[in-house]
């Protein structure tokens, strides 16, 4: 295909221009190069009850910033639940400006329909986080329980009690929020065992 001298000159000029990089939808959410992550978002996605937890990492103790469960009624259509997950997470991101998100890793569901629904909730949540330009890592639930409780098959109540103790909360958080806070705490501690969290 032939090009004109003018088109060739335009191509040369474009090559000399500095490369443009994508910017986050929400300003201020990208971590500055070389700085450690101070505000960590943990996320436990589920269609009817997505848990989230935000902590500020520091020594000697991490500080709780916000936590909760994005609850959707059983009678709601799946599409309505997905919209609520995205909307609430956008509010959390804007309010607390985390620089990193740690999400619970995938598990093997025996029921295909359950796996598909979980995937939809996870996709909605991850799209909201990625939209804000926040780094996302995933961590296996067993590794989180091992790091927080010391036992990879620990019950949710045990995780909630340990999270309460570590963050000096007045009462144990709800189970889904506790799992999300546990993810954030595990990342802050860097207690991954042999495998570091996978970036997604």
Protein backbone atom coordinates (compact mmCIF):
# COMPACT_ATOMS: atom_id res chain seq x y z
CA UNK A 1 0.00 0.00 0.00
CA UNK A 2 1.51 3.36 -1.02
CA UNK A 3 1.53 6.41 1.24
CA UNK A 4 2.03 10.04 0.35
CA UNK A 5 5.02 12.09 1.56
CA UNK A 6 2.65 14.05 3.79
CA UNK A 7 1.33 10.85 5.44
CA UNK A 8 4.91 9.66 5.97
CA UNK A 9 5.80 12.96 7.67
CA UNK A 10 2.74 12.67 9.97
CA UNK A 11 3.78 9.14 10.96
CA UNK A 12 7.28 10.37 11.85
CA UNK A 13 5.82 13.17 14.01
CA UNK A 14 3.57 10.70 15.88
CA UNK A 15 6.56 8.49 16.65
CA UNK A 16 8.42 11.46 18.17
CA UNK A 17 5.49 12.37 20.46
CA UNK A 18 5.74 11.14 24.08
CA UNK A 19 3.74 7.96 24.65
CA UNK A 20 0.37 8.50 26.27
CA UNK A 21 -0.62 6.37 29.24
CA UNK A 22 -4.06 5.48 30.49
CA UNK A 23 -5.35 7.36 33.51
CA UNK A 24 -7.67 6.14 36.23
CA UNK A 25 -11.33 7.09 36.13
CA UNK A 26 -11.13 8.30 39.73
CA UNK A 27 -8.26 10.73 40.17
CA UNK A 28 -5.89 10.06 43.05
CA UNK A 29 -6.38 6.32 43.34
CA UNK A 30 -3.14 5.28 41.65
CA UNK A 31 -0.20 4.61 43.92
CA UNK A 32 2.82 6.82 43.40
CA UNK A 33 5.75 4.84 42.01
CA UNK A 34 8.07 3.63 44.75
CA UNK A 35 5.67 4.15 47.65
CA UNK A 36 4.26 1.35 49.75
CA UNK A 37 0.54 0.71 49.90
CA UNK A 38 -0.93 2.27 53.04
CA UNK A 39 -4.66 1.87 52.37
CA UNK A 40 -5.65 -1.69 51.48
CA UNK A 41 -9.07 -2.88 50.31
CA UNK A 42 -10.03 -6.50 50.94
CA UNK A 43 -12.89 -7.95 48.91
CA UNK A 44 -14.96 -11.14 49.26
CA UNK A 45 -17.34 -11.12 46.25
CA UNK A 46 -20.74 -12.80 46.30
CA UNK A 47 -24.00 -11.99 44.55
CA UNK A 48 -26.12 -11.64 47.70
CA UNK A 49 -23.44 -10.57 50.17
CA UNK A 50 -20.17 -9.02 48.96
CA UNK A 51 -17.91 -8.25 51.88
CA UNK A 52 -15.45 -5.37 51.82
CA UNK A 53 -12.92 -4.10 54.33
CA UNK A 54 -10.55 -1.16 54.20
CA UNK A 55 -7.57 -0.84 56.54
CA UNK A 56 -4.75 1.67 56.90
CA UNK A 57 -1.54 -0.27 57.29
CA UNK A 58 0.96 1.00 59.83
CA UNK A 59 3.09 0.07 62.80
CA UNK A 60 2.58 -0.97 65.50
CA UNK A 61 -1.05 -1.70 64.60
CA UNK A 62 -3.14 -1.52 61.42
CA UNK A 63 -6.19 0.72 61.68
CA UNK A 64 -9.70 -0.17 60.50
CA UNK A 65 -11.08 2.42 58.09
CA UNK A 66 -14.37 0.94 56.85
CA UNK A 67 -16.04 -2.43 56.43
CA UNK A 68 -19.42 -3.82 55.54
CA UNK A 69 -21.47 -6.17 53.41
CA UNK A 70 -23.17 -5.24 50.15
CA UNK A 71 -26.41 -7.13 50.76
CA UNK A 72 -28.99 -7.89 48.08
CA UNK A 73 -32.42 -9.36 48.80
CA UNK A 74 -33.15 -12.88 47.60
CA UNK A 75 -35.99 -11.58 45.42
CA UNK A 76 -33.77 -9.17 43.48
CA UNK A 77 -32.87 -9.97 39.88
CA UNK A 78 -29.19 -10.80 39.41
CA UNK A 79 -28.69 -7.72 37.23
CA UNK A 80 -29.93 -5.47 40.05
CA UNK A 81 -27.47 -7.08 42.48
CA UNK A 82 -24.58 -6.56 40.07
CA UNK A 83 -25.43 -2.87 39.69
CA UNK A 84 -25.52 -2.41 43.48
CA UNK A 85 -22.13 -4.12 43.89
CA UNK A 86 -20.57 -1.73 41.38
CA UNK A 87 -22.25 1.37 42.83
CA UNK A 88 -21.28 0.67 46.45
CA UNK A 89 -17.69 -0.22 45.56
CA UNK A 90 -17.36 3.02 43.59
CA UNK A 91 -18.49 4.91 46.70
CA UNK A 92 -15.97 3.01 48.86
CA UNK A 93 -13.17 3.74 46.39
CA UNK A 94 -13.99 7.43 46.21
CA UNK A 95 -14.31 7.78 49.97
CA UNK A 96 -11.17 5.92 51.05
CA UNK A 97 -8.82 5.96 48.04
CA UNK A 98 -7.15 2.53 48.46
CA UNK A 99 -4.09 1.90 46.31
CA UNK A 100 -4.40 -1.89 46.28
CA UNK A 101 -7.19 -4.47 46.43
CA UNK A 102 -6.87 -8.07 47.58
CA UNK A 103 -9.74 -10.31 46.45
CA UNK A 104 -10.57 -13.83 47.57
CA UNK A 105 -9.34 -16.37 45.04
CA UNK A 106 -11.58 -18.66 43.04
CA UNK A 107 -12.81 -21.90 44.56
CA UNK A 108 -14.19 -25.01 42.91
CA UNK A 109 -17.98 -25.06 43.15
CA UNK A 110 -19.73 -28.40 42.76
CA UNK A 111 -22.76 -26.68 41.24
CA UNK A 112 -22.14 -25.10 37.82
CA UNK A 113 -24.96 -22.58 38.27
CA UNK A 114 -23.46 -21.43 41.57
CA UNK A 115 -20.07 -21.02 39.93
CA UNK A 116 -21.56 -18.92 37.12
CA UNK A 117 -23.39 -16.64 39.55
CA UNK A 118 -20.28 -16.21 41.69
CA UNK A 119 -18.34 -15.37 38.54
CA UNK A 120 -20.82 -12.65 37.64
CA UNK A 121 -20.50 -11.03 41.08
CA UNK A 122 -16.73 -11.30 40.99
CA UNK A 123 -16.62 -9.77 37.50
CA UNK A 124 -18.79 -6.83 38.52
CA UNK A 125 -16.66 -6.17 41.59
CA UNK A 126 -13.35 -6.45 39.74
CA UNK A 127 -14.52 -4.14 36.96
CA UNK A 128 -15.34 -1.43 39.52
CA UNK A 129 -11.92 -1.79 41.15
CA UNK A 130 -10.02 -1.88 37.84
CA UNK A 131 -11.97 1.13 36.60
CA UNK A 132 -10.45 3.14 39.45
CA UNK A 133 -6.91 2.16 38.48
CA UNK A 134 -6.32 0.15 41.68
CA UNK A 135 -3.93 -2.81 41.61
CA UNK A 136 -5.74 -6.12 42.18
CA UNK A 137 -4.31 -9.32 43.67
CA UNK A 138 -6.04 -12.56 44.58
CA UNK A 139 -5.33 -14.83 47.49
CA UNK A 140 -6.58 -18.34 48.26
CA UNK A 141 -9.04 -18.51 51.20
CA UNK A 142 -7.02 -21.26 52.91
CA UNK A 143 -3.88 -19.13 52.88
CA UNK A 144 -5.75 -16.22 54.45
CA UNK A 145 -7.17 -18.43 57.22
CA UNK A 146 -3.72 -19.90 57.82
CA UNK A 147 -2.20 -16.43 58.13
CA UNK A 148 -4.91 -15.00 60.38
CA UNK A 149 -6.02 -17.97 62.51
CA UNK A 150 -3.17 -20.42 62.02
CA UNK A 151 -5.42 -23.07 60.50
CA UNK A 152 -6.34 -23.25 56.82
CA UNK A 153 -9.78 -24.79 57.44
CA UNK A 154 -10.83 -22.36 60.19
CA UNK A 155 -14.51 -21.50 60.53
CA UNK A 156 -15.82 -18.02 59.68
CA UNK A 157 -16.49 -17.27 63.36
CA UNK A 158 -12.83 -17.89 64.23
CA UNK A 159 -11.70 -15.58 61.44
CA UNK A 160 -14.10 -12.85 62.61
CA UNK A 161 -12.88 -13.11 66.22
CA UNK A 162 -9.23 -12.88 65.20
CA UNK A 163 -9.92 -9.92 62.91
CA UNK A 164 -11.74 -8.23 65.80
CA UNK A 165 -8.71 -8.76 68.01
CA UNK A 166 -6.15 -7.60 65.44
CA UNK A 167 -8.07 -4.42 64.59
CA UNK A 168 -9.31 -3.81 68.16
CA UNK A 169 -12.93 -3.66 67.03
CA UNK A 170 -15.73 -3.38 69.59
CA UNK A 171 -17.41 -6.50 68.18
CA UNK A 172 -16.73 -9.13 65.53
CA UNK A 173 -17.55 -7.94 61.99
CA UNK A 174 -20.14 -9.73 59.88
CA UNK A 175 -18.71 -12.92 58.30
CA UNK A 176 -18.31 -11.56 54.74
CA UNK A 177 -16.80 -8.29 55.97
CA UNK A 178 -14.51 -10.25 58.33
CA UNK A 179 -13.21 -12.32 55.41
CA UNK A 180 -12.54 -9.12 53.46
CA UNK A 181 -10.67 -7.54 56.39
CA UNK A 182 -8.69 -10.76 56.80
CA UNK A 183 -7.57 -10.49 53.16
CA UNK A 184 -6.38 -6.91 53.71
CA UNK A 185 -4.57 -7.85 56.93
CA UNK A 186 -2.85 -10.83 55.34
CA UNK A 187 -1.58 -8.66 52.50
CA UNK A 188 -0.38 -5.99 54.92
CA UNK A 189 1.55 -8.56 56.93
CA UNK A 190 3.04 -10.11 53.81
CA UNK A 191 2.34 -13.57 55.23
CA UNK A 192 1.84 -15.51 52.03
CA UNK A 193 3.72 -18.68 52.82
CA UNK A 194 5.56 -20.03 49.78
CA UNK A 195 3.37 -18.35 47.17
CA UNK A 196 2.97 -14.61 46.77
CA UNK A 197 -0.50 -13.33 45.76
CA UNK A 198 -1.30 -13.40 42.07
CA UNK A 199 -1.93 -10.10 40.32
CA UNK A 200 -5.05 -10.04 38.16
